[in-house]
Amino acid sequence: MVSLASCTAITVRMYADRKQWPLEKIRVEVTSERMDKITIFIRHVYFEGALDDEQRNRLLQIANACPVHKALTNPIEIKTELR
């Protein structure tokens, strides 16, 4: 959960800085819950700064494009090898 929150914040910050948008602060909180056999991550993203609605929506799209988000939303298989 920490890696998802960190990746989200870093990805959004880099994009906002590159666009020179007035994003003063970003906070990301991630929790999880189990429903049946599925783990659901709940991510709350908070932006502070004089952003308009279009900028906020774009930053949300960027948050959903962070590498950890992409990895978690694709099928995952873990292979463990003892060496």
Protein backbone atom coordinates (compact mmCIF):
# COMPACT_ATOMS: atom_id res chain seq x y z
CA MET A 1 0.00 0.00 0.00
CA VAL A 2 2.87 2.34 0.77
CA SER A 3 4.40 1.75 -2.65
CA LEU A 4 1.10 2.63 -4.37
CA ALA A 5 0.78 5.85 -2.36
CA SER A 6 4.42 6.83 -2.93
CA CYS A 7 4.34 6.08 -6.65
CA THR A 8 1.11 8.03 -7.05
CA ALA A 9 2.50 11.09 -5.29
CA ILE A 10 5.81 11.01 -7.19
CA THR A 11 4.14 10.53 -10.58
CA VAL A 12 1.64 13.35 -10.01
CA ARG A 13 4.31 15.69 -8.62
CA MET A 14 6.60 15.14 -11.63
CA TYR A 15 3.75 15.82 -14.06
CA ALA A 16 2.56 18.96 -12.25
CA ASP A 17 6.11 20.30 -12.02
CA ARG A 18 6.71 19.68 -15.72
CA LYS A 19 3.48 21.51 -16.59
CA GLN A 20 4.32 24.24 -14.05
CA TRP A 21 0.89 23.84 -12.43
CA PRO A 22 0.28 25.37 -8.98
CA LEU A 23 0.18 22.06 -7.08
CA GLU A 24 1.41 23.06 -3.64
CA LYS A 25 0.90 19.78 -1.84
CA ILE A 26 -0.28 16.25 -2.56
CA ARG A 27 -1.32 13.66 -0.01
CA VAL A 28 -2.17 10.07 -0.85
CA GLU A 29 -3.76 7.62 1.59
CA VAL A 30 -4.29 3.97 0.72
CA THR A 31 -6.26 1.42 2.70
CA SER A 32 -7.46 -2.03 1.76
CA GLU A 33 -10.32 -4.37 2.49
CA ARG A 34 -11.19 -7.95 1.61
CA MET A 35 -14.47 -8.78 -0.06
CA ASP A 36 -14.99 -12.46 -0.75
CA LYS A 37 -11.70 -13.47 -2.38
CA ILE A 38 -10.79 -10.02 -3.70
CA THR A 39 -8.54 -7.40 -2.12
CA ILE A 40 -9.75 -3.87 -2.81
CA PHE A 41 -7.39 -0.91 -2.45
CA ILE A 42 -9.03 2.41 -1.63
CA ARG A 43 -6.86 5.36 -2.60
CA HIS A 44 -7.68 8.89 -1.49
CA VAL A 45 -5.75 11.63 -3.29
CA TYR A 46 -5.74 15.19 -1.96
CA PHE A 47 -4.44 18.13 -3.98
CA GLU A 48 -3.73 21.56 -2.52
CA GLY A 49 -3.12 24.59 -4.69
CA ALA A 50 -4.92 26.87 -7.12
CA LEU A 51 -5.79 24.12 -9.60
CA ASP A 52 -8.83 24.37 -11.85
CA ASP A 53 -11.17 21.41 -12.42
CA GLU A 54 -9.49 20.46 -15.68
CA GLN A 55 -6.07 20.31 -14.01
CA ARG A 56 -7.43 18.29 -11.07
CA ASN A 57 -9.07 15.79 -13.41
CA ARG A 58 -5.90 15.46 -15.47
CA LEU A 59 -3.85 14.86 -12.31
CA LEU A 60 -6.30 12.12 -11.35
CA GLN A 61 -5.71 10.49 -14.75
CA ILE A 62 -1.96 10.74 -14.16
CA ALA A 63 -2.38 9.16 -10.71
CA ASN A 64 -4.06 6.18 -12.36
CA ALA A 65 -1.10 5.86 -14.74
CA CYS A 66 1.61 5.44 -12.11
CA PRO A 67 3.66 2.25 -12.64
CA VAL A 68 2.54 0.57 -9.40
CA HIS A 69 -1.13 1.22 -10.21
CA LYS A 70 -0.61 -0.33 -13.64
CA ALA A 71 1.09 -3.38 -12.14
CA LEU A 72 -1.64 -3.92 -9.56
CA THR A 73 -4.49 -3.62 -12.06
CA ASN A 74 -3.07 -6.24 -14.45
CA PRO A 75 -3.13 -9.98 -13.79
CA ILE A 76 -0.35 -10.83 -11.36
CA GLU A 77 1.49 -14.07 -10.96
CA ILE A 78 4.18 -14.56 -8.34
CA LYS A 79 6.79 -17.26 -8.80
CA THR A 80 9.05 -17.94 -5.86
CA GLU A 81 12.30 -19.81 -6.37
CA LEU A 82 14.58 -21.07 -3.65
CA ARG A 83 18.26 -20.69 -4.51
